[in-house]
Amino acid sequence: MDADDEQLLRGRVYGHDHDDPDPGPLPHQTYAALVGGPLDGLLLDITGWRPEEIDDGVALMTELGRWPGGRALYDPRPGDPHPPGGPGVVCRFYYSGDTP
């Protein structure tokens, strides 16, 4: 990924197109920041997720990973805070690898 790709991802919400007129976070939603890997800098909307769902982490489809069309794996770290239920960025998911 080059610097232009990285700039396109910063502050965007995963799943929103780069040409979306407002790809950023919404004030009434809750987000996890994605750290590392091909989706570094994106936010993942976790509004309404239960703590158990957050503990499971996610496998997010991406064309930017090791296998285009595969999934990038992101997990919370033990000890990182869980969302208190309010809006904004409330936790982080860290890159742990790719899968086809």
Protein backbone atom coordinates (compact mmCIF):
# COMPACT_ATOMS: atom_id res chain seq x y z
CA MET A 1 0.00 0.00 0.00
CA ASP A 2 1.41 3.40 -0.91
CA ALA A 3 1.00 6.78 0.83
CA ASP A 4 -2.00 7.72 -1.34
CA ASP A 5 -3.83 4.53 -0.31
CA GLU A 6 -3.05 5.19 3.35
CA GLN A 7 -4.39 8.74 3.11
CA LEU A 8 -7.64 7.45 1.56
CA LEU A 9 -8.19 5.13 4.53
CA ARG A 10 -7.52 7.56 7.42
CA GLY A 11 -10.66 8.46 9.35
CA ARG A 12 -12.97 6.49 7.07
CA VAL A 13 -15.46 3.95 8.27
CA TYR A 14 -14.90 0.40 6.97
CA GLY A 15 -17.43 -0.41 4.26
CA HIS A 16 -17.84 3.17 3.02
CA ASP A 17 -16.57 3.92 -0.49
CA HIS A 18 -13.64 6.31 -0.88
CA ASP A 19 -15.85 8.59 -3.00
CA ASP A 20 -18.68 8.64 -0.44
CA PRO A 21 -19.45 12.34 0.24
CA ASP A 22 -19.21 11.69 4.00
CA PRO A 23 -17.12 8.54 4.67
CA GLY A 24 -16.29 9.57 8.22
CA PRO A 25 -17.82 8.54 11.54
CA LEU A 26 -21.31 9.60 12.61
CA PRO A 27 -21.80 11.19 16.04
CA HIS A 28 -24.41 8.66 17.24
CA GLN A 29 -22.38 5.52 16.35
CA THR A 30 -19.72 3.56 18.27
CA TYR A 31 -16.45 2.56 16.58
CA ALA A 32 -13.35 0.42 17.00
CA ALA A 33 -10.16 1.81 15.47
CA LEU A 34 -8.35 -0.71 13.25
CA VAL A 35 -4.62 -0.77 14.02
CA GLY A 36 -2.00 -2.24 11.69
CA GLY A 37 -2.37 -4.36 8.58
CA PRO A 38 -4.08 -3.42 5.34
CA LEU A 39 -6.98 -1.57 6.98
CA ASP A 40 -4.89 0.50 9.40
CA GLY A 41 -6.57 3.81 10.17
CA LEU A 42 -10.12 2.73 9.32
CA LEU A 43 -12.91 2.75 11.87
CA LEU A 44 -15.25 -0.23 12.28
CA ASP A 45 -18.84 0.48 13.29
CA ILE A 46 -19.52 -1.67 16.38
CA THR A 47 -22.73 0.05 17.43
CA GLY A 48 -24.90 -2.45 19.28
CA TRP A 49 -22.23 -5.17 19.53
CA ARG A 50 -22.26 -7.22 22.74
CA PRO A 51 -18.98 -7.57 24.69
CA GLU A 52 -18.73 -11.22 23.59
CA GLU A 53 -18.90 -10.18 19.93
CA ILE A 54 -16.11 -7.67 20.48
CA ASP A 55 -13.98 -10.34 22.21
CA ASP A 56 -14.31 -12.57 19.11
CA GLY A 57 -12.68 -10.00 16.82
CA VAL A 58 -13.47 -9.74 13.12
CA ALA A 59 -12.49 -11.02 9.68
CA LEU A 60 -12.98 -8.10 7.26
CA MET A 61 -13.07 -8.48 3.48
CA THR A 62 -10.40 -6.49 1.68
CA GLU A 63 -8.60 -6.29 -1.64
CA LEU A 64 -5.56 -4.84 0.15
CA GLY A 65 -4.45 -7.93 2.10
CA ARG A 66 -2.17 -10.82 1.26
CA TRP A 67 -4.96 -12.50 -0.73
CA PRO A 68 -7.05 -10.03 -2.76
CA GLY A 69 -10.68 -10.76 -1.99
CA GLY A 70 -9.63 -12.43 1.26
CA ARG A 71 -10.06 -11.23 4.80
CA ALA A 72 -7.90 -9.29 7.23
CA LEU A 73 -8.16 -10.51 10.82
CA TYR A 74 -8.44 -7.99 13.66
CA ASP A 75 -8.76 -8.75 17.37
CA PRO A 76 -8.94 -6.78 20.60
CA ARG A 77 -6.04 -7.11 22.99
CA PRO A 78 -6.71 -8.46 26.46
CA GLY A 79 -6.95 -5.58 28.86
CA ASP A 80 -8.02 -3.01 26.25
CA PRO A 81 -11.25 -1.32 27.31
CA HIS A 82 -14.64 -2.44 26.05
CA PRO A 83 -17.08 0.11 24.68
CA PRO A 84 -19.07 1.79 27.43
CA GLY A 85 -22.03 1.99 25.05
CA GLY A 86 -21.58 5.62 24.08
CA PRO A 87 -20.71 7.12 20.70
CA GLY A 88 -17.24 7.65 19.31
CA VAL A 89 -14.09 5.53 19.08
CA VAL A 90 -14.15 3.39 22.20
CA CYS A 91 -11.70 0.54 21.55
CA ARG A 92 -9.04 -0.78 19.18
CA PHE A 93 -8.81 -3.95 17.10
CA TYR A 94 -5.27 -5.02 16.17
CA TYR A 95 -4.26 -6.76 12.96
CA SER A 96 -3.40 -10.43 13.48
CA GLY A 97 -3.08 -11.77 9.91
CA ASP A 98 -4.83 -12.55 6.65
CA THR A 99 -6.93 -15.44 5.44
CA PRO A 100 -8.07 -16.33 1.89
